[in-house]
C-alpha atoms as a PDB file:
ATOM      1  CA  UNK A   1     176.331 -62.674 181.497  1.00  0.00           C
ATOM      2  CA  UNK A   2     177.251 -63.113 177.848  1.00  0.00           C
ATOM      3  CA  UNK A   3     176.094 -62.262 174.354  1.00  0.00           C
ATOM      4  CA  UNK A   4     174.636 -64.808 171.929  1.00  0.00           C
ATOM      5  CA  UNK A   5     176.714 -67.830 170.961  1.00  0.00           C
ATOM      6  CA  UNK A   6     177.758 -69.077 167.532  1.00  0.00           C
ATOM      7  CA  UNK A   7     174.994 -71.665 167.380  1.00  0.00           C
ATOM      8  CA  UNK A   8     172.484 -68.802 167.770  1.00  0.00           C
ATOM      9  CA  UNK A   9     174.073 -66.805 164.933  1.00  0.00           C
ATOM     10  CA  UNK A  10     173.912 -67.131 161.154  1.00  0.00           C
ATOM     11  CA  UNK A  11     176.444 -66.599 158.379  1.00  0.00           C
ATOM     12  CA  UNK A  12     176.090 -62.974 157.324  1.00  0.00           C
ATOM     13  CA  UNK A  13     179.029 -62.650 154.937  1.00  0.00           C
ATOM     14  CA  UNK A  14     181.925 -64.657 153.591  1.00  0.00           C
ATOM     15  CA  UNK A  15     185.367 -63.779 152.330  1.00  0.00           C
ATOM     16  CA  UNK A  16     186.025 -65.230 148.905  1.00  0.00           C
ATOM     17  CA  UNK A  17     189.638 -65.390 147.705  1.00  0.00           C
ATOM     18  CA  UNK A  18     190.518 -66.806 144.297  1.00  0.00           C
ATOM     19  CA  UNK A  19     187.166 -68.603 144.094  1.00  0.00           C
ATOM     20  CA  UNK A  20     187.636 -70.154 147.555  1.00  0.00           C
ATOM     21  CA  UNK A  21     185.562 -69.217 150.613  1.00  0.00           C
ATOM     22  CA  UNK A  22     188.328 -68.433 153.097  1.00  0.00           C
ATOM     23  CA  UNK A  23     186.444 -66.978 156.082  1.00  0.00           C
ATOM     24  CA  UNK A  24     182.908 -66.626 157.390  1.00  0.00           C
ATOM     25  CA  UNK A  25     181.453 -63.815 159.467  1.00  0.00           C
ATOM     26  CA  UNK A  26     178.625 -65.110 161.657  1.00  0.00           C
ATOM     27  CA  UNK A  27     176.348 -62.781 163.526  1.00  0.00           C
ATOM     28  CA  UNK A  28     172.832 -61.569 164.131  1.00  0.00           C
ATOM     29  CA  UNK A  29     170.805 -58.749 162.627  1.00  0.00           C
ATOM     30  CA  UNK A  30     167.357 -57.217 162.881  1.00  0.00           C
ATOM     31  CA  UNK A  31     165.363 -54.847 160.682  1.00  0.00           C
ATOM     32  CA  UNK A  32     162.499 -52.897 162.246  1.00  0.00           C
ATOM     33  CA  UNK A  33     159.766 -51.276 160.187  1.00  0.00           C
ATOM     34  CA  UNK A  34     158.446 -47.774 161.002  1.00  0.00           C
ATOM     35  CA  UNK A  35     155.820 -49.279 163.325  1.00  0.00           C
ATOM     36  CA  UNK A  36     158.501 -51.039 165.371  1.00  0.00           C
ATOM     37  CA  UNK A  37     157.748 -54.502 164.032  1.00  0.00           C
ATOM     38  CA  UNK A  38     160.572 -56.880 163.152  1.00  0.00           C
ATOM     39  CA  UNK A  39     160.627 -57.110 159.356  1.00  0.00           C
ATOM     40  CA  UNK A  40     163.732 -59.330 159.361  1.00  0.00           C
ATOM     41  CA  UNK A  41     165.456 -61.279 162.120  1.00  0.00           C
ATOM     42  CA  UNK A  42     168.651 -63.216 161.548  1.00  0.00           C
ATOM     43  CA  UNK A  43     170.112 -65.081 164.488  1.00  0.00           C
ATOM     44  CA  UNK A  44     169.525 -64.085 168.098  1.00  0.00           C
ATOM     45  CA  UNK A  45     168.335 -60.473 168.308  1.00  0.00           C
ATOM     46  CA  UNK A  46     167.101 -60.646 171.906  1.00  0.00           C
ATOM     47  CA  UNK A  47     170.367 -61.498 173.673  1.00  0.00           C
ATOM     48  CA  UNK A  48     172.243 -58.550 175.187  1.00  0.00           C
ATOM     49  CA  UNK A  49     175.182 -57.066 173.327  1.00  0.00           C
ATOM     50  CA  UNK A  50     177.521 -54.209 174.093  1.00  0.00           C
ATOM     51  CA  UNK A  51     176.577 -51.718 171.338  1.00  0.00           C
ATOM     52  CA  UNK A  52     179.850 -49.871 171.868  1.00  0.00           C
ATOM     53  CA  UNK A  53     180.067 -46.599 169.923  1.00  0.00           C
ATOM     54  CA  UNK A  54     176.624 -46.947 168.364  1.00  0.00           C
ATOM     55  CA  UNK A  55     175.456 -45.554 171.719  1.00  0.00           C
ATOM     56  CA  UNK A  56     177.329 -42.276 171.254  1.00  0.00           C
ATOM     57  CA  UNK A  57     174.356 -40.333 169.821  1.00  0.00           C
ATOM     58  CA  UNK A  58     172.371 -41.214 172.944  1.00  0.00           C
ATOM     59  CA  UNK A  59     175.271 -40.240 175.187  1.00  0.00           C
ATOM     60  CA  UNK A  60     175.211 -36.899 173.363  1.00  0.00           C
ATOM     61  CA  UNK A  61     171.484 -36.615 174.007  1.00  0.00           C
ATOM     62  CA  UNK A  62     172.167 -37.281 177.702  1.00  0.00           C
ATOM     63  CA  UNK A  63     174.782 -34.518 177.796  1.00  0.00           C
ATOM     64  CA  UNK A  64     172.248 -32.182 176.199  1.00  0.00           C
ATOM     65  CA  UNK A  65     169.650 -33.233 178.776  1.00  0.00           C
ATOM     66  CA  UNK A  66     172.174 -32.110 181.355  1.00  0.00           C
ATOM     67  CA  UNK A  67     172.097 -28.636 179.809  1.00  0.00           C
ATOM     68  CA  UNK A  68     174.999 -28.703 177.340  1.00  0.00           C
ATOM     69  CA  UNK A  69     174.158 -26.347 174.421  1.00  0.00           C
ATOM     70  CA  UNK A  70     175.983 -28.266 171.701  1.00  0.00           C
ATOM     71  CA  UNK A  71     175.445 -26.961 168.192  1.00  0.00           C
ATOM     72  CA  UNK A  72     176.301 -28.008 164.646  1.00  0.00           C
ATOM     73  CA  UNK A  73     179.634 -29.759 164.260  1.00  0.00           C
ATOM     74  CA  UNK A  74     179.938 -29.968 168.052  1.00  0.00           C
ATOM     75  CA  UNK A  75     176.929 -32.301 168.140  1.00  0.00           C
ATOM     76  CA  UNK A  76     178.415 -34.454 165.398  1.00  0.00           C
ATOM     77  CA  UNK A  77     181.858 -34.708 167.011  1.00  0.00           C
ATOM     78  CA  UNK A  78     180.314 -35.569 170.388  1.00  0.00           C
ATOM     79  CA  UNK A  79     178.558 -38.463 168.626  1.00  0.00           C
ATOM     80  CA  UNK A  80     181.636 -39.472 166.647  1.00  0.00           C
ATOM     81  CA  UNK A  81     184.222 -42.162 166.320  1.00  0.00           C
ATOM     82  CA  UNK A  82     186.495 -39.672 164.616  1.00  0.00           C
ATOM     83  CA  UNK A  83     189.826 -40.142 162.862  1.00  0.00           C
ATOM     84  CA  UNK A  84     191.526 -37.144 164.465  1.00  0.00           C
ATOM     85  CA  UNK A  85     191.602 -34.844 161.453  1.00  0.00           C
ATOM     86  CA  UNK A  86     192.498 -31.200 162.044  1.00  0.00           C
ATOM     87  CA  UNK A  87     188.909 -30.028 161.624  1.00  0.00           C
ATOM     88  CA  UNK A  88     187.643 -32.712 163.973  1.00  0.00           C
ATOM     89  CA  UNK A  89     190.180 -31.845 166.669  1.00  0.00           C
ATOM     90  CA  UNK A  90     189.247 -28.172 166.353  1.00  0.00           C
ATOM     91  CA  UNK A  91     185.613 -29.124 167.019  1.00  0.00           C
ATOM     92  CA  UNK A  92     186.640 -31.044 170.157  1.00  0.00           C
ATOM     93  CA  UNK A  93     188.701 -28.071 171.329  1.00  0.00           C
ATOM     94  CA  UNK A  94     185.704 -25.783 170.862  1.00  0.00           C
ATOM     95  CA  UNK A  95     183.726 -27.952 173.317  1.00  0.00           C
ATOM     96  CA  UNK A  96     186.581 -28.017 175.825  1.00  0.00           C
ATOM     97  CA  UNK A  97     186.912 -24.252 175.584  1.00  0.00           C
ATOM     98  CA  UNK A  98     183.201 -23.730 176.165  1.00  0.00           C
ATOM     99  CA  UNK A  99     183.400 -26.034 179.165  1.00  0.00           C
ATOM    100  CA  UNK A 100     186.332 -24.110 180.631  1.00  0.00           C
ATOM    101  CA  UNK A 101     188.562 -27.200 180.725  1.00  0.00           C
ATOM    102  CA  UNK A 102     191.558 -28.369 178.721  1.00  0.00           C
ATOM    103  CA  UNK A 103     192.810 -31.530 177.077  1.00  0.00           C
ATOM    104  CA  UNK A 104     194.389 -32.809 180.286  1.00  0.00           C
ATOM    105  CA  UNK A 105     190.915 -33.091 181.819  1.00  0.00           C
ATOM    106  CA  UNK A 106     189.875 -35.696 179.246  1.00  0.00           C
ATOM    107  CA  UNK A 107     189.922 -39.206 180.701  1.00  0.00           C
ATOM    108  CA  UNK A 108     189.869 -41.172 177.455  1.00  0.00           C
ATOM    109  CA  UNK A 109     193.226 -42.884 176.829  1.00  0.00           C
ATOM    110  CA  UNK A 110     195.947 -41.158 174.794  1.00  0.00           C
ATOM    111  CA  UNK A 111     196.101 -42.346 171.198  1.00  0.00           C
ATOM    112  CA  UNK A 112     197.547 -41.569 167.797  1.00  0.00           C
ATOM    113  CA  UNK A 113     195.088 -40.044 165.315  1.00  0.00           C
ATOM    114  CA  UNK A 114     194.111 -42.217 162.381  1.00  0.00           C
ATOM    115  CA  UNK A 115     194.421 -39.166 160.141  1.00  0.00           C
ATOM    116  CA  UNK A 116     197.819 -39.477 158.451  1.00  0.00           C
ATOM    117  CA  UNK A 117     198.452 -35.755 158.050  1.00  0.00           C
ATOM    118  CA  UNK A 118     197.864 -34.955 161.718  1.00  0.00           C
ATOM    119  CA  UNK A 119     199.826 -38.020 162.845  1.00  0.00           C
ATOM    120  CA  UNK A 120     202.779 -36.980 160.678  1.00  0.00           C
ATOM    121  CA  UNK A 121     202.668 -33.478 162.145  1.00  0.00           C
ATOM    122  CA  UNK A 122     202.759 -34.905 165.671  1.00  0.00           C
ATOM    123  CA  UNK A 123     205.742 -37.097 164.875  1.00  0.00           C
ATOM    124  CA  UNK A 124     207.639 -34.250 163.227  1.00  0.00           C
ATOM    125  CA  UNK A 125     206.969 -32.079 166.262  1.00  0.00           C
ATOM    126  CA  UNK A 126     208.314 -34.786 168.556  1.00  0.00           C
ATOM    127  CA  UNK A 127     204.951 -35.276 170.198  1.00  0.00           C
ATOM    128  CA  UNK A 128     203.323 -38.573 171.056  1.00  0.00           C
ATOM    129  CA  UNK A 129     199.869 -39.949 171.690  1.00  0.00           C
ATOM    130  CA  UNK A 130     197.297 -37.468 172.967  1.00  0.00           C
ATOM    131  CA  UNK A 131     193.906 -37.859 174.650  1.00  0.00           C
ATOM    132  CA  UNK A 132     192.272 -35.449 172.234  1.00  0.00           C
ATOM    133  CA  UNK A 133     193.323 -37.679 169.315  1.00  0.00           C
ATOM    134  CA  UNK A 134     191.488 -40.701 170.714  1.00  0.00           C
ATOM    135  CA  UNK A 135     188.369 -41.333 168.611  1.00  0.00           C
ATOM    136  CA  UNK A 136     186.000 -40.816 171.582  1.00  0.00           C
ATOM    137  CA  UNK A 137     187.398 -37.443 172.673  1.00  0.00           C
ATOM    138  CA  UNK A 138     184.362 -35.509 171.417  1.00  0.00           C
ATOM    139  CA  UNK A 139     182.049 -37.537 173.634  1.00  0.00           C
ATOM    140  CA  UNK A 140     184.345 -37.026 176.616  1.00  0.00           C
ATOM    141  CA  UNK A 141     184.551 -33.289 175.953  1.00  0.00           C
ATOM    142  CA  UNK A 142     180.739 -33.119 175.993  1.00  0.00           C
ATOM    143  CA  UNK A 143     180.725 -35.106 179.245  1.00  0.00           C
ATOM    144  CA  UNK A 144     183.062 -32.547 180.801  1.00  0.00           C
ATOM    145  CA  UNK A 145     180.884 -29.665 179.627  1.00  0.00           C
ATOM    146  CA  UNK A 146     177.855 -31.322 181.232  1.00  0.00           C
ATOM    147  CA  UNK A 147     179.800 -31.476 184.481  1.00  0.00           C
ATOM    148  CA  UNK A 148     180.928 -27.848 184.465  1.00  0.00           C
ATOM    149  CA  UNK A 149     177.465 -26.701 183.387  1.00  0.00           C
ATOM    150  CA  UNK A 150     175.952 -28.334 186.489  1.00  0.00           C
ATOM    151  CA  UNK A 151     178.748 -27.879 188.998  1.00  0.00           C
ATOM    152  CA  UNK A 152     179.364 -31.629 189.064  1.00  0.00           C
ATOM    153  CA  UNK A 153     182.796 -33.050 189.787  1.00  0.00           C
ATOM    154  CA  UNK A 154     184.950 -33.683 186.729  1.00  0.00           C
ATOM    155  CA  UNK A 155     187.552 -36.011 188.213  1.00  0.00           C
ATOM    156  CA  UNK A 156     185.064 -38.904 188.465  1.00  0.00           C
ATOM    157  CA  UNK A 157     182.834 -38.181 185.458  1.00  0.00           C
ATOM    158  CA  UNK A 158     183.252 -41.775 184.250  1.00  0.00           C
ATOM    159  CA  UNK A 159     181.938 -43.323 187.454  1.00  0.00           C
ATOM    160  CA  UNK A 160     178.666 -45.164 186.699  1.00  0.00           C
ATOM    161  CA  UNK A 161     177.166 -43.515 189.783  1.00  0.00           C
ATOM    162  CA  UNK A 162     178.067 -40.007 188.622  1.00  0.00           C
ATOM    163  CA  UNK A 163     174.905 -37.948 187.961  1.00  0.00           C
ATOM    164  CA  UNK A 164     175.823 -37.626 184.292  1.00  0.00           C
ATOM    165  CA  UNK A 165     176.356 -41.349 183.779  1.00  0.00           C
ATOM    166  CA  UNK A 166     173.080 -42.160 185.497  1.00  0.00           C
ATOM    167  CA  UNK A 167     171.434 -39.834 182.974  1.00  0.00           C
ATOM    168  CA  UNK A 168     173.233 -41.631 180.146  1.00  0.00           C
ATOM    169  CA  UNK A 169     172.015 -45.054 181.260  1.00  0.00           C
ATOM    170  CA  UNK A 170     168.465 -43.766 181.701  1.00  0.00           C
ATOM    171  CA  UNK A 171     168.583 -42.237 178.207  1.00  0.00           C
ATOM    172  CA  UNK A 172     169.825 -45.460 176.592  1.00  0.00           C
ATOM    173  CA  UNK A 173     167.067 -47.458 178.300  1.00  0.00           C
ATOM    174  CA  UNK A 174     164.456 -44.900 177.229  1.00  0.00           C
ATOM    175  CA  UNK A 175     165.397 -45.000 173.544  1.00  0.00           C
ATOM    176  CA  UNK A 176     165.969 -48.774 173.508  1.00  0.00           C
ATOM    177  CA  UNK A 177     162.582 -49.364 175.104  1.00  0.00           C
ATOM    178  CA  UNK A 178     164.050 -51.935 177.470  1.00  0.00           C
ATOM    179  CA  UNK A 179     166.091 -52.034 180.693  1.00  0.00           C
ATOM    180  CA  UNK A 180     169.863 -52.014 180.537  1.00  0.00           C
ATOM    181  CA  UNK A 181     170.895 -55.648 180.997  1.00  0.00           C
ATOM    182  CA  UNK A 182     174.427 -55.052 182.215  1.00  0.00           C
ATOM    183  CA  UNK A 183     176.843 -52.163 182.727  1.00  0.00           C
ATOM    184  CA  UNK A 184     180.468 -52.567 181.709  1.00  0.00           C
ATOM    185  CA  UNK A 185     183.344 -50.310 180.695  1.00  0.00           C
ATOM    186  CA  UNK A 186     183.917 -49.219 177.110  1.00  0.00           C
ATOM    187  CA  UNK A 187     187.315 -48.984 175.435  1.00  0.00           C
ATOM    188  CA  UNK A 188     187.465 -45.270 176.196  1.00  0.00           C
ATOM    189  CA  UNK A 189     186.768 -45.856 179.902  1.00  0.00           C
ATOM    190  CA  UNK A 190     183.130 -44.702 179.885  1.00  0.00           C
ATOM    191  CA  UNK A 191     180.307 -46.809 181.349  1.00  0.00           C
ATOM    192  CA  UNK A 192     178.786 -49.060 178.707  1.00  0.00           C
ATOM    193  CA  UNK A 193     175.195 -50.308 178.635  1.00  0.00           C
ATOM    194  CA  UNK A 194     174.289 -53.752 177.309  1.00  0.00           C
ATOM    195  CA  UNK A 195     170.983 -53.966 175.419  1.00  0.00           C
ATOM    196  CA  UNK A 196     169.589 -56.263 172.733  1.00  0.00           C
ATOM    197  CA  UNK A 197     169.983 -55.758 168.994  1.00  0.00           C
ATOM    198  CA  UNK A 198     166.230 -55.191 168.877  1.00  0.00           C
ATOM    199  CA  UNK A 199     166.568 -52.464 171.490  1.00  0.00           C
ATOM    200  CA  UNK A 200     169.402 -50.870 169.515  1.00  0.00           C
ATOM    201  CA  UNK A 201     167.316 -50.961 166.335  1.00  0.00           C
ATOM    202  CA  UNK A 202     164.412 -49.427 168.249  1.00  0.00           C
ATOM    203  CA  UNK A 203     166.675 -46.586 169.390  1.00  0.00           C
ATOM    204  CA  UNK A 204     167.882 -45.928 165.835  1.00  0.00           C
ATOM    205  CA  UNK A 205     164.366 -46.015 164.466  1.00  0.00           C
ATOM    206  CA  UNK A 206     163.502 -43.193 166.851  1.00  0.00           C
ATOM    207  CA  UNK A 207     166.745 -41.355 166.108  1.00  0.00           C
ATOM    208  CA  UNK A 208     166.412 -41.585 162.324  1.00  0.00           C
ATOM    209  CA  UNK A 209     162.781 -40.509 162.413  1.00  0.00           C
ATOM    210  CA  UNK A 210     163.723 -37.480 164.545  1.00  0.00           C
ATOM    211  CA  UNK A 211     165.913 -35.913 161.839  1.00  0.00           C
ATOM    212  CA  UNK A 212     164.215 -32.765 160.622  1.00  0.00           C
ATOM    213  CA  UNK A 213     161.022 -33.680 162.471  1.00  0.00           C
ATOM    214  CA  UNK A 214     159.564 -30.767 164.415  1.00  0.00           C
ATOM    215  CA  UNK A 215     157.263 -33.156 166.298  1.00  0.00           C
ATOM    216  CA  UNK A 216     160.147 -35.316 167.592  1.00  0.00           C
ATOM    217  CA  UNK A 217     162.138 -35.014 170.796  1.00  0.00           C
ATOM    218  CA  UNK A 218     164.134 -31.823 170.260  1.00  0.00           C
ATOM    219  CA  UNK A 219     167.449 -33.263 171.420  1.00  0.00           C
ATOM    220  CA  UNK A 220     167.111 -36.400 169.304  1.00  0.00           C
ATOM    221  CA  UNK A 221     166.161 -34.219 166.324  1.00  0.00           C
ATOM    222  CA  UNK A 222     169.237 -32.045 166.867  1.00  0.00           C
ATOM    223  CA  UNK A 223     171.586 -35.022 167.148  1.00  0.00           C
ATOM    224  CA  UNK A 224     170.185 -36.842 164.119  1.00  0.00           C
ATOM    225  CA  UNK A 225     170.097 -33.756 161.902  1.00  0.00           C
ATOM    226  CA  UNK A 226     173.595 -32.627 162.895  1.00  0.00           C
ATOM    227  CA  UNK A 227     174.980 -36.092 162.179  1.00  0.00           C
ATOM    228  CA  UNK A 228     173.455 -35.885 158.707  1.00  0.00           C
ATOM    229  CA  UNK A 229     174.518 -32.258 158.197  1.00  0.00           C
ATOM    230  CA  UNK A 230     178.105 -32.814 159.396  1.00  0.00           C
ATOM    231  CA  UNK A 231     178.812 -36.460 158.492  1.00  0.00           C
ATOM    232  CA  UNK A 232     182.520 -35.788 158.009  1.00  0.00           C
ATOM    233  CA  UNK A 233     182.759 -35.151 161.759  1.00  0.00           C
ATOM    234  CA  UNK A 234     180.985 -38.389 162.751  1.00  0.00           C
ATOM    235  CA  UNK A 235     183.586 -40.659 161.147  1.00  0.00           C
ATOM    236  CA  UNK A 236     185.887 -39.118 158.530  1.00  0.00           C
ATOM    237  CA  UNK A 237     185.991 -38.068 154.902  1.00  0.00           C
ATOM    238  CA  UNK A 238     185.765 -41.194 152.741  1.00  0.00           C
ATOM    239  CA  UNK A 239     184.952 -43.451 155.726  1.00  0.00           C
ATOM    240  CA  UNK A 240     181.926 -45.655 155.352  1.00  0.00           C
ATOM    241  CA  UNK A 241     179.668 -44.116 157.998  1.00  0.00           C
ATOM    242  CA  UNK A 242     180.321 -40.693 156.517  1.00  0.00           C
ATOM    243  CA  UNK A 243     179.729 -41.919 152.952  1.00  0.00           C
ATOM    244  CA  UNK A 244     176.469 -43.646 153.947  1.00  0.00           C
ATOM    245  CA  UNK A 245     175.168 -40.441 155.529  1.00  0.00           C
ATOM    246  CA  UNK A 246     176.335 -38.259 152.644  1.00  0.00           C
ATOM    247  CA  UNK A 247     174.975 -40.449 149.878  1.00  0.00           C
ATOM    248  CA  UNK A 248     171.874 -42.062 151.423  1.00  0.00           C
ATOM    249  CA  UNK A 249     170.762 -39.545 154.083  1.00  0.00           C
ATOM    250  CA  UNK A 250     170.648 -42.405 156.610  1.00  0.00           C
ATOM    251  CA  UNK A 251     171.898 -42.005 160.192  1.00  0.00           C
ATOM    252  CA  UNK A 252     174.778 -44.469 160.459  1.00  0.00           C
ATOM    253  CA  UNK A 253     177.066 -45.344 163.349  1.00  0.00           C
ATOM    254  CA  UNK A 254     179.599 -48.089 163.781  1.00  0.00           C
ATOM    255  CA  UNK A 255     180.579 -49.685 167.039  1.00  0.00           C
ATOM    256  CA  UNK A 256     183.635 -51.719 167.950  1.00  0.00           C
ATOM    257  CA  UNK A 257     183.417 -55.516 167.955  1.00  0.00           C
ATOM    258  CA  UNK A 258     181.380 -55.729 164.780  1.00  0.00           C
ATOM    259  CA  UNK A 259     178.359 -53.556 165.619  1.00  0.00           C
ATOM    260  CA  UNK A 260     176.501 -51.277 163.192  1.00  0.00           C
ATOM    261  CA  UNK A 261     173.236 -49.360 163.503  1.00  0.00           C
ATOM    262  CA  UNK A 262     171.327 -47.512 160.785  1.00  0.00           C
ATOM    263  CA  UNK A 263     168.185 -45.381 160.963  1.00  0.00           C
ATOM    264  CA  UNK A 264     166.172 -43.725 158.183  1.00  0.00           C
ATOM    265  CA  UNK A 265     164.039 -40.606 158.307  1.00  0.00           C
ATOM    266  CA  UNK A 266     160.868 -42.664 157.913  1.00  0.00           C
ATOM    267  CA  UNK A 267     161.704 -44.977 160.807  1.00  0.00           C
ATOM    268  CA  UNK A 268     163.269 -48.050 159.232  1.00  0.00           C
ATOM    269  CA  UNK A 269     166.268 -49.303 161.178  1.00  0.00           C
ATOM    270  CA  UNK A 270     168.915 -52.005 161.127  1.00  0.00           C
ATOM    271  CA  UNK A 271     171.100 -53.240 163.966  1.00  0.00           C
ATOM    272  CA  UNK A 272     173.666 -55.972 163.546  1.00  0.00           C
ATOM    273  CA  UNK A 273     176.587 -57.556 165.313  1.00  0.00           C
ATOM    274  CA  UNK A 274     179.234 -59.742 163.722  1.00  0.00           C
ATOM    275  CA  UNK A 275     180.136 -62.250 166.398  1.00  0.00           C
ATOM    276  CA  UNK A 276     183.859 -62.413 165.639  1.00  0.00           C
ATOM    277  CA  UNK A 277     184.117 -58.663 166.271  1.00  0.00           C
ATOM    278  CA  UNK A 278     185.164 -57.796 162.731  1.00  0.00           C
ATOM    279  CA  UNK A 279     183.502 -54.904 160.923  1.00  0.00           C
ATOM    280  CA  UNK A 280     184.656 -55.330 157.312  1.00  0.00           C
ATOM    281  CA  UNK A 281     181.323 -56.853 156.247  1.00  0.00           C
ATOM    282  CA  UNK A 282     179.068 -54.517 158.215  1.00  0.00           C
ATOM    283  CA  UNK A 283     178.376 -51.905 155.548  1.00  0.00           C
ATOM    284  CA  UNK A 284     177.549 -54.577 152.973  1.00  0.00           C
ATOM    285  CA  UNK A 285     175.185 -56.446 155.293  1.00  0.00           C
ATOM    286  CA  UNK A 286     173.511 -53.350 156.728  1.00  0.00           C
ATOM    287  CA  UNK A 287     172.872 -51.692 153.373  1.00  0.00           C
ATOM    288  CA  UNK A 288     171.664 -54.932 151.818  1.00  0.00           C
ATOM    289  CA  UNK A 289     169.103 -55.271 154.607  1.00  0.00           C
ATOM    290  CA  UNK A 290     167.927 -51.666 154.145  1.00  0.00           C
ATOM    291  CA  UNK A 291     167.592 -52.258 150.407  1.00  0.00           C
ATOM    292  CA  UNK A 292     165.657 -55.481 151.022  1.00  0.00           C
ATOM    293  CA  UNK A 293     163.245 -53.513 153.216  1.00  0.00           C
ATOM    294  CA  UNK A 294     162.808 -50.924 150.482  1.00  0.00           C
ATOM    295  CA  UNK A 295     164.115 -48.273 152.874  1.00  0.00           C
ATOM    296  CA  UNK A 296     166.787 -47.182 150.395  1.00  0.00           C
ATOM    297  CA  UNK A 297     166.807 -47.645 146.598  1.00  0.00           C
ATOM    298  CA  UNK A 298     168.854 -50.627 145.482  1.00  0.00           C
ATOM    299  CA  UNK A 299     170.912 -48.647 142.909  1.00  0.00           C
ATOM    300  CA  UNK A 300     171.864 -46.072 145.544  1.00  0.00           C
ATOM    301  CA  UNK A 301     172.794 -48.771 148.048  1.00  0.00           C
ATOM    302  CA  UNK A 302     174.844 -50.555 145.382  1.00  0.00           C
ATOM    303  CA  UNK A 303     176.742 -47.354 144.572  1.00  0.00           C
ATOM    304  CA  UNK A 304     177.674 -46.869 148.226  1.00  0.00           C
ATOM    305  CA  UNK A 305     178.631 -50.526 148.633  1.00  0.00           C
ATOM    306  CA  UNK A 306     180.964 -50.154 145.663  1.00  0.00           C
ATOM    307  CA  UNK A 307     182.614 -47.150 147.339  1.00  0.00           C
ATOM    308  CA  UNK A 308     183.096 -48.523 150.831  1.00  0.00           C
ATOM    309  CA  UNK A 309     183.453 -52.321 150.582  1.00  0.00           C
ATOM    310  CA  UNK A 310     187.053 -53.084 149.683  1.00  0.00           C
ATOM    311  CA  UNK A 311     188.090 -55.968 147.443  1.00  0.00           C
ATOM    312  CA  UNK A 312     190.218 -58.838 148.724  1.00  0.00           C
ATOM    313  CA  UNK A 313     193.723 -58.236 147.471  1.00  0.00           C
ATOM    314  CA  UNK A 314     196.444 -60.556 146.258  1.00  0.00           C
ATOM    315  CA  UNK A 315     199.519 -58.397 146.078  1.00  0.00           C
ATOM    316  CA  UNK A 316     198.529 -55.279 144.156  1.00  0.00           C
ATOM    317  CA  UNK A 317     195.481 -56.734 142.412  1.00  0.00           C
ATOM    318  CA  UNK A 318     191.991 -57.767 143.519  1.00  0.00           C
ATOM    319  CA  UNK A 319     191.586 -61.537 143.756  1.00  0.00           C
ATOM    320  CA  UNK A 320     188.330 -61.813 145.677  1.00  0.00           C
ATOM    321  CA  UNK A 321     185.586 -60.029 147.517  1.00  0.00           C
ATOM    322  CA  UNK A 322     183.483 -59.797 150.625  1.00  0.00           C
ATOM    323  CA  UNK A 323     180.058 -61.112 149.680  1.00  0.00           C
ATOM    324  CA  UNK A 324     176.790 -61.849 151.368  1.00  0.00           C
ATOM    325  CA  UNK A 325     176.402 -65.338 152.793  1.00  0.00           C
ATOM    326  CA  UNK A 326     173.670 -67.715 151.690  1.00  0.00           C
ATOM    327  CA  UNK A 327     171.071 -66.732 154.355  1.00  0.00           C
ATOM    328  CA  UNK A 328     171.234 -63.124 153.129  1.00  0.00           C
ATOM    329  CA  UNK A 329     171.208 -64.098 149.459  1.00  0.00           C
ATOM    330  CA  UNK A 330     168.129 -66.263 150.012  1.00  0.00           C
ATOM    331  CA  UNK A 331     166.447 -63.377 151.826  1.00  0.00           C
ATOM    332  CA  UNK A 332     167.206 -60.878 149.066  1.00  0.00           C
ATOM    333  CA  UNK A 333     166.328 -63.100 146.118  1.00  0.00           C
ATOM    334  CA  UNK A 334     168.251 -63.197 142.823  1.00  0.00           C
ATOM    335  CA  UNK A 335     167.030 -59.905 141.377  1.00  0.00           C
ATOM    336  CA  UNK A 336     167.952 -57.740 144.361  1.00  0.00           C
ATOM    337  CA  UNK A 337     171.191 -59.648 144.908  1.00  0.00           C
ATOM    338  CA  UNK A 338     172.110 -58.919 141.307  1.00  0.00           C
ATOM    339  CA  UNK A 339     171.186 -55.237 141.687  1.00  0.00           C
ATOM    340  CA  UNK A 340     173.531 -55.049 144.687  1.00  0.00           C
ATOM    341  CA  UNK A 341     176.381 -56.722 142.811  1.00  0.00           C
ATOM    342  CA  UNK A 342     176.014 -59.927 144.834  1.00  0.00           C
ATOM    343  CA  UNK A 343     175.147 -62.382 142.070  1.00  0.00           C
END
C-alpha cells in the first residue's frame, strides 16, 4: 500500500530565492464545507495517507471514551505535539500522577525538548534525553491513564490489539467516516491509522464544529474547546498551530511528513499533505484555502501568515519567500491573492 504519487499531486507552494524559483512543494489538499461537500480538491484526496499527529485529538477522545477524566490543559497536552516547555511538562506529569505511573512507564522514545530553556537546564544538570520531553508524551501519558483506569496492562499499551488501541482505531474510523485503510507505527511507537485526506477533513469538520457546541459529542466538544482554550499546550508559544488557534479561533494540528488539518466552529475544514514531507508551506497553504472558502477573513489570515511564515534568508537578510504556487493563485484570484500578500 502507498500514498498518492507525484503525478497525482499538484504544486501547492514554491520557494523563491533572489527572484528564482528554487524548490517546489507538491501535494494534495481538500476543503470541505459545513455540509461535508468538497468545496476545493487539489490533487488526489482519496488515496490513503498517514495523518501522523493530526490524529492526536481523536486519540485523546479514545482515551476519554476509556474513562480518562482529562480536564483543561491536560486535554490540550494529550492532543499536542509539544516543545517540552516547563509548563507543558508539568501538564504531562499531572496526567502521570493521576494515573499512578511515572515517566519510566512512558514508551515514547527519549528525546531532547525543543524548548531551549528546558534543554539548557537538562544539559547543565548533566541529564540527557528523556521520554517525557518527547513531543508525544502527553498522548502516551493519557494512554497510560486509560490503562490504569480500566485495569488494562500497561507494558503492551502500544500493541494494536490492546483494548485501548482498538478503541483508538474505531474512533478514528468513526470521525473520518471511512474504514482505516492500513495500520502502521508512528514515530512515537503508537499504532497509526491510514485514512484519506477527505476522511481527515471530515474528522476536523466534526471536531471544529464541536467546540462550544452543547449539542455535539461531549468528548469531541471538550477536546476542541480545550485545544482552543489552551493553544500554548498544543504546540508552543509562538509556534504556528498555537498562533492560528489564538488569532483565528480555528482548531489546528500539524502532523509529521507535511500534514496539516484545520477545523472551524461552523464546520469548514482543510486537510493537506505535502508529498515531500516538508511542512514549511503548510500554514500558508492551509490558511489561504480557508480564506478562499470565506471561513476566515482574509485580513486576519494575512496577519497570521505574516507571523508564522518565515522569509527565505541569504545570510542575515531576507532574499526570498515561500509563496503559493500557480494552481493556488489561480484558485484564489488576484484580489484575494493580493489581500494575502501573494501578489
